[in-house]
N, C-alpha and C. Protein backbone atom coordinates (compact mmCIF):
# COMPACT_ATOMS: atom_id res chain seq x y z
N UNK A 1 2.32 -33.21 24.65
CA UNK A 1 2.35 -32.62 23.31
C UNK A 1 0.97 -32.71 22.66
N UNK A 2 0.25 -33.78 22.93
CA UNK A 2 -1.09 -33.93 22.32
C UNK A 2 -2.05 -32.84 22.80
N UNK A 3 -1.89 -32.42 24.06
CA UNK A 3 -2.77 -31.37 24.57
C UNK A 3 -2.52 -30.07 23.84
N UNK A 4 -1.28 -29.83 23.42
CA UNK A 4 -0.96 -28.62 22.68
C UNK A 4 -1.61 -28.63 21.30
N UNK A 5 -1.59 -29.78 20.65
CA UNK A 5 -2.25 -29.91 19.34
C UNK A 5 -3.75 -29.72 19.51
N UNK A 6 -4.31 -30.31 20.56
CA UNK A 6 -5.75 -30.15 20.82
C UNK A 6 -6.10 -28.70 21.09
N UNK A 7 -5.30 -28.03 21.87
CA UNK A 7 -5.53 -26.61 22.16
C UNK A 7 -5.47 -25.78 20.87
N UNK A 8 -4.50 -26.12 20.03
CA UNK A 8 -4.37 -25.43 18.74
C UNK A 8 -5.65 -25.60 17.91
N UNK A 9 -6.17 -26.82 17.83
CA UNK A 9 -7.35 -27.08 17.02
C UNK A 9 -8.59 -26.40 17.58
N UNK A 10 -8.68 -26.31 18.89
CA UNK A 10 -9.83 -25.66 19.52
C UNK A 10 -9.77 -24.15 19.35
N UNK A 11 -8.59 -23.59 19.52
CA UNK A 11 -8.46 -22.13 19.49
C UNK A 11 -8.25 -21.54 18.11
N UNK A 12 -7.79 -22.32 17.16
CA UNK A 12 -7.44 -21.75 15.86
C UNK A 12 -8.59 -21.02 15.18
N UNK A 13 -9.83 -21.54 15.18
CA UNK A 13 -10.89 -20.75 14.55
C UNK A 13 -11.14 -19.44 15.28
N UNK A 14 -11.05 -19.44 16.60
CA UNK A 14 -11.28 -18.23 17.38
C UNK A 14 -10.19 -17.20 17.11
N UNK A 15 -8.96 -17.66 17.06
CA UNK A 15 -7.85 -16.74 16.81
C UNK A 15 -7.92 -16.21 15.39
N UNK A 16 -8.25 -17.08 14.44
CA UNK A 16 -8.32 -16.66 13.04
C UNK A 16 -9.39 -15.61 12.83
N UNK A 17 -10.47 -15.69 13.60
CA UNK A 17 -11.55 -14.73 13.45
C UNK A 17 -11.33 -13.46 14.26
N UNK A 18 -10.33 -13.47 15.13
CA UNK A 18 -10.12 -12.34 16.02
C UNK A 18 -9.75 -11.07 15.24
N UNK A 19 -8.92 -11.17 14.26
CA UNK A 19 -8.54 -10.02 13.45
C UNK A 19 -7.88 -10.53 12.18
N UNK A 20 -7.78 -9.67 11.20
CA UNK A 20 -7.14 -10.07 9.95
C UNK A 20 -5.64 -9.96 10.11
N UNK A 21 -4.96 -11.07 9.93
CA UNK A 21 -3.51 -11.12 10.08
C UNK A 21 -2.92 -11.59 8.76
N UNK A 22 -2.29 -10.69 8.06
CA UNK A 22 -1.71 -11.00 6.76
C UNK A 22 -0.43 -11.83 6.94
N UNK A 23 -0.20 -12.79 6.04
CA UNK A 23 1.00 -13.62 6.10
C UNK A 23 2.27 -12.79 5.95
N UNK A 24 2.17 -11.65 5.28
CA UNK A 24 3.35 -10.80 5.07
C UNK A 24 3.23 -9.47 5.80
N UNK A 25 2.57 -9.50 6.96
CA UNK A 25 2.41 -8.29 7.75
C UNK A 25 3.75 -7.74 8.22
N UNK A 26 3.76 -6.49 8.66
CA UNK A 26 5.02 -5.84 9.04
C UNK A 26 5.72 -6.50 10.23
N UNK A 27 4.98 -7.23 11.06
CA UNK A 27 5.61 -7.84 12.23
C UNK A 27 6.24 -9.21 11.94
N UNK A 28 6.00 -9.74 10.76
CA UNK A 28 6.49 -11.09 10.45
C UNK A 28 8.02 -11.15 10.35
N UNK A 29 8.64 -10.10 9.85
CA UNK A 29 10.11 -10.05 9.78
C UNK A 29 10.68 -10.05 11.19
N UNK A 30 10.03 -9.35 12.10
CA UNK A 30 10.49 -9.31 13.49
C UNK A 30 10.39 -10.70 14.13
N UNK A 31 9.27 -11.38 13.91
CA UNK A 31 9.11 -12.74 14.44
C UNK A 31 10.21 -13.65 13.91
N UNK A 32 10.44 -13.61 12.61
CA UNK A 32 11.46 -14.44 11.98
C UNK A 32 12.85 -14.14 12.53
N UNK A 33 13.19 -12.86 12.59
CA UNK A 33 14.54 -12.45 13.00
C UNK A 33 14.80 -12.73 14.48
N UNK A 34 13.86 -12.40 15.34
CA UNK A 34 14.09 -12.60 16.78
C UNK A 34 14.15 -14.10 17.11
N UNK A 35 13.25 -14.89 16.53
CA UNK A 35 13.27 -16.33 16.79
C UNK A 35 14.57 -16.95 16.27
N UNK A 36 15.00 -16.53 15.09
CA UNK A 36 16.24 -17.04 14.53
C UNK A 36 17.45 -16.66 15.37
N UNK A 37 17.47 -15.42 15.83
CA UNK A 37 18.59 -14.95 16.65
C UNK A 37 18.63 -15.68 18.00
N UNK A 38 17.47 -15.90 18.59
CA UNK A 38 17.42 -16.64 19.85
C UNK A 38 17.90 -18.07 19.68
N UNK A 39 17.45 -18.72 18.62
CA UNK A 39 17.84 -20.11 18.37
C UNK A 39 19.35 -20.21 18.11
N UNK A 40 19.86 -19.37 17.22
CA UNK A 40 21.29 -19.41 16.89
C UNK A 40 22.15 -19.00 18.08
N UNK A 41 21.72 -17.98 18.79
CA UNK A 41 22.48 -17.52 19.95
C UNK A 41 22.54 -18.57 21.04
N UNK A 42 21.41 -19.22 21.30
CA UNK A 42 21.39 -20.28 22.31
C UNK A 42 22.27 -21.44 21.88
N UNK A 43 22.21 -21.82 20.61
CA UNK A 43 23.07 -22.87 20.09
C UNK A 43 24.53 -22.51 20.36
N UNK A 44 24.91 -21.28 20.07
CA UNK A 44 26.29 -20.85 20.25
C UNK A 44 26.73 -20.86 21.70
N UNK A 45 25.87 -20.41 22.61
CA UNK A 45 26.22 -20.40 24.03
C UNK A 45 26.37 -21.83 24.54
N UNK A 46 25.44 -22.71 24.17
CA UNK A 46 25.51 -24.09 24.63
C UNK A 46 26.71 -24.80 24.01
N UNK A 47 27.11 -24.39 22.81
CA UNK A 47 28.27 -25.01 22.15
C UNK A 47 29.54 -24.79 22.95
N UNK A 48 29.60 -23.71 23.70
CA UNK A 48 30.77 -23.43 24.53
C UNK A 48 30.87 -24.45 25.67
N UNK A 49 29.71 -24.86 26.19
CA UNK A 49 29.70 -25.72 27.37
C UNK A 49 29.50 -27.20 27.07
N UNK A 50 28.96 -27.52 25.90
CA UNK A 50 28.60 -28.92 25.64
C UNK A 50 28.95 -29.27 24.19
N UNK A 51 29.59 -30.41 24.01
CA UNK A 51 29.99 -30.84 22.67
C UNK A 51 28.91 -31.64 21.95
N UNK A 52 27.84 -31.99 22.64
CA UNK A 52 26.79 -32.81 22.05
C UNK A 52 25.91 -31.99 21.10
N UNK A 53 25.86 -32.39 19.85
CA UNK A 53 25.09 -31.67 18.83
C UNK A 53 23.61 -31.63 19.16
N UNK A 54 23.05 -32.75 19.60
CA UNK A 54 21.62 -32.79 19.92
C UNK A 54 21.27 -31.83 21.05
N UNK A 55 22.14 -31.72 22.03
CA UNK A 55 21.90 -30.80 23.14
C UNK A 55 21.88 -29.36 22.64
N UNK A 56 22.80 -29.02 21.76
CA UNK A 56 22.85 -27.67 21.20
C UNK A 56 21.58 -27.34 20.43
N UNK A 57 21.17 -28.26 19.56
CA UNK A 57 19.97 -28.04 18.75
C UNK A 57 18.72 -27.96 19.61
N UNK A 58 18.61 -28.87 20.57
CA UNK A 58 17.44 -28.89 21.44
C UNK A 58 17.36 -27.63 22.29
N UNK A 59 18.48 -27.17 22.81
CA UNK A 59 18.49 -25.95 23.60
C UNK A 59 18.02 -24.76 22.78
N UNK A 60 18.53 -24.63 21.56
CA UNK A 60 18.10 -23.54 20.68
C UNK A 60 16.61 -23.60 20.38
N UNK A 61 16.13 -24.80 20.11
CA UNK A 61 14.70 -24.99 19.83
C UNK A 61 13.86 -24.64 21.04
N UNK A 62 14.24 -25.11 22.21
CA UNK A 62 13.44 -24.88 23.41
C UNK A 62 13.41 -23.42 23.83
N UNK A 63 14.55 -22.75 23.77
CA UNK A 63 14.58 -21.34 24.18
C UNK A 63 13.77 -20.48 23.19
N UNK A 64 14.05 -20.63 21.91
CA UNK A 64 13.35 -19.80 20.92
C UNK A 64 11.87 -20.19 20.82
N UNK A 65 11.59 -21.49 20.84
CA UNK A 65 10.20 -21.94 20.78
C UNK A 65 9.42 -21.53 22.01
N UNK A 66 10.06 -21.62 23.17
CA UNK A 66 9.39 -21.18 24.40
C UNK A 66 9.08 -19.70 24.39
N UNK A 67 10.01 -18.91 23.87
CA UNK A 67 9.78 -17.47 23.78
C UNK A 67 8.63 -17.16 22.82
N UNK A 68 8.60 -17.86 21.69
CA UNK A 68 7.54 -17.64 20.70
C UNK A 68 6.18 -18.02 21.27
N UNK A 69 6.10 -19.19 21.90
CA UNK A 69 4.83 -19.63 22.49
C UNK A 69 4.43 -18.72 23.64
N UNK A 70 5.40 -18.29 24.43
CA UNK A 70 5.10 -17.38 25.53
C UNK A 70 4.55 -16.05 25.05
N UNK A 71 5.13 -15.53 23.98
CA UNK A 71 4.67 -14.26 23.42
C UNK A 71 3.24 -14.38 22.93
N UNK A 72 2.92 -15.47 22.25
CA UNK A 72 1.56 -15.65 21.76
C UNK A 72 0.58 -15.92 22.90
N UNK A 73 1.04 -16.57 23.96
CA UNK A 73 0.18 -16.78 25.14
C UNK A 73 -0.15 -15.44 25.80
N UNK A 74 0.85 -14.56 25.88
CA UNK A 74 0.61 -13.23 26.44
C UNK A 74 -0.38 -12.47 25.56
N UNK A 75 -0.22 -12.58 24.25
CA UNK A 75 -1.17 -11.95 23.33
C UNK A 75 -2.58 -12.51 23.53
N UNK A 76 -2.69 -13.83 23.69
CA UNK A 76 -3.99 -14.47 23.87
C UNK A 76 -4.65 -14.08 25.19
N UNK A 77 -3.84 -13.69 26.16
CA UNK A 77 -4.38 -13.28 27.46
C UNK A 77 -4.95 -11.87 27.43
N UNK A 78 -4.94 -11.24 26.29
CA UNK A 78 -5.54 -9.92 26.15
C UNK A 78 -4.55 -8.79 26.00
N UNK A 79 -3.28 -9.12 25.84
CA UNK A 79 -2.27 -8.08 25.72
C UNK A 79 -1.76 -7.92 24.30
N UNK A 80 -2.52 -8.34 23.35
CA UNK A 80 -2.12 -8.25 21.95
C UNK A 80 -3.05 -9.07 21.08
N UNK A 81 -2.61 -9.34 19.88
CA UNK A 81 -3.39 -10.12 18.93
C UNK A 81 -2.68 -11.44 18.68
N UNK A 82 -3.17 -12.55 19.25
CA UNK A 82 -2.51 -13.85 19.03
C UNK A 82 -2.65 -14.27 17.57
N UNK A 83 -1.61 -14.93 17.07
CA UNK A 83 -1.62 -15.30 15.66
C UNK A 83 -0.82 -16.57 15.43
N UNK A 84 -1.44 -17.54 14.80
CA UNK A 84 -0.72 -18.74 14.42
C UNK A 84 0.21 -18.45 13.24
N UNK A 85 -0.06 -17.40 12.51
CA UNK A 85 0.85 -17.02 11.43
C UNK A 85 2.14 -16.46 12.01
N UNK A 86 2.04 -15.77 13.14
CA UNK A 86 3.26 -15.33 13.83
C UNK A 86 4.09 -16.54 14.24
N UNK A 87 3.42 -17.57 14.77
CA UNK A 87 4.13 -18.79 15.17
C UNK A 87 4.77 -19.48 13.98
N UNK A 88 4.12 -19.43 12.82
CA UNK A 88 4.72 -20.04 11.63
C UNK A 88 6.00 -19.31 11.25
N UNK A 89 5.99 -17.99 11.32
CA UNK A 89 7.20 -17.22 11.03
C UNK A 89 8.27 -17.46 12.09
N UNK A 90 7.83 -17.61 13.35
CA UNK A 90 8.79 -17.97 14.41
C UNK A 90 9.44 -19.31 14.08
N UNK A 91 8.65 -20.28 13.67
CA UNK A 91 9.18 -21.60 13.32
C UNK A 91 10.18 -21.53 12.18
N UNK A 92 9.87 -20.73 11.19
CA UNK A 92 10.81 -20.57 10.07
C UNK A 92 12.10 -19.91 10.53
N UNK A 93 11.98 -18.94 11.42
CA UNK A 93 13.17 -18.28 11.96
C UNK A 93 14.01 -19.22 12.80
N UNK A 94 13.34 -20.05 13.61
CA UNK A 94 14.06 -21.01 14.44
C UNK A 94 14.82 -21.99 13.56
N UNK A 95 14.15 -22.53 12.55
CA UNK A 95 14.82 -23.48 11.66
C UNK A 95 16.01 -22.84 10.96
N UNK A 96 15.84 -21.62 10.48
CA UNK A 96 16.93 -20.91 9.80
C UNK A 96 18.08 -20.61 10.76
N UNK A 97 17.75 -20.17 11.97
CA UNK A 97 18.78 -19.87 12.96
C UNK A 97 19.58 -21.10 13.35
N UNK A 98 18.89 -22.21 13.57
CA UNK A 98 19.59 -23.44 13.93
C UNK A 98 20.44 -23.96 12.78
N UNK A 99 19.92 -23.89 11.58
CA UNK A 99 20.69 -24.34 10.41
C UNK A 99 21.93 -23.47 10.21
N UNK A 100 21.78 -22.17 10.39
CA UNK A 100 22.91 -21.26 10.25
C UNK A 100 23.96 -21.52 11.32
N UNK A 101 23.51 -21.68 12.57
CA UNK A 101 24.44 -21.95 13.66
C UNK A 101 25.16 -23.28 13.45
N UNK A 102 24.43 -24.29 13.01
CA UNK A 102 25.03 -25.60 12.76
C UNK A 102 26.06 -25.51 11.64
N UNK A 103 25.73 -24.81 10.56
CA UNK A 103 26.66 -24.67 9.44
C UNK A 103 27.92 -23.93 9.88
N UNK A 104 27.75 -22.87 10.65
CA UNK A 104 28.91 -22.13 11.16
C UNK A 104 29.75 -23.01 12.08
N UNK A 105 29.10 -23.80 12.92
CA UNK A 105 29.79 -24.71 13.82
C UNK A 105 30.61 -25.73 13.03
N UNK A 106 30.03 -26.28 11.99
CA UNK A 106 30.75 -27.26 11.17
C UNK A 106 31.93 -26.60 10.44
N UNK A 107 31.75 -25.37 9.99
CA UNK A 107 32.82 -24.65 9.33
C UNK A 107 33.99 -24.41 10.28
N UNK A 108 33.68 -23.98 11.50
CA UNK A 108 34.72 -23.74 12.50
C UNK A 108 35.46 -25.04 12.81
N UNK A 109 34.73 -26.13 12.96
CA UNK A 109 35.37 -27.42 13.23
C UNK A 109 36.25 -27.86 12.06
N UNK A 110 35.79 -27.64 10.85
CA UNK A 110 36.56 -28.02 9.66
C UNK A 110 37.85 -27.21 9.55
N UNK A 111 37.75 -25.90 9.82
CA UNK A 111 38.91 -25.02 9.74
C UNK A 111 39.93 -25.37 10.83
N UNK A 112 39.44 -25.72 12.01
CA UNK A 112 40.34 -25.97 13.14
C UNK A 112 40.92 -27.38 13.18
N UNK A 113 40.54 -28.24 12.23
CA UNK A 113 41.11 -29.58 12.19
C UNK A 113 42.58 -29.51 11.77
N UNK A 114 43.42 -30.37 12.37
CA UNK A 114 44.85 -30.33 12.02
C UNK A 114 45.14 -30.85 10.62
């Protein structure tokens, strides 16, 4: 994990100077929505197979976070414009998706109690 933080600190000035990326650019809603959907969807699929809450949350985080990091890595390899602001919106989407899935899960459990 420390190497990832180090890589972030080394690359952040280069990425920031690469192009102007507005915090409210048109692609930010897509980053938020797709990351949130991946996180919530993964939580839901894992909930079918595993009753452990931590496993559900971790699976959602890893799938959505991996997709977000992978997308930015592809952009950094020359196939787009890498952006840490995109990652911030991905993070917000992941948190929202997991919170929504968890709340829905708790509601279903509460309703189904005898």
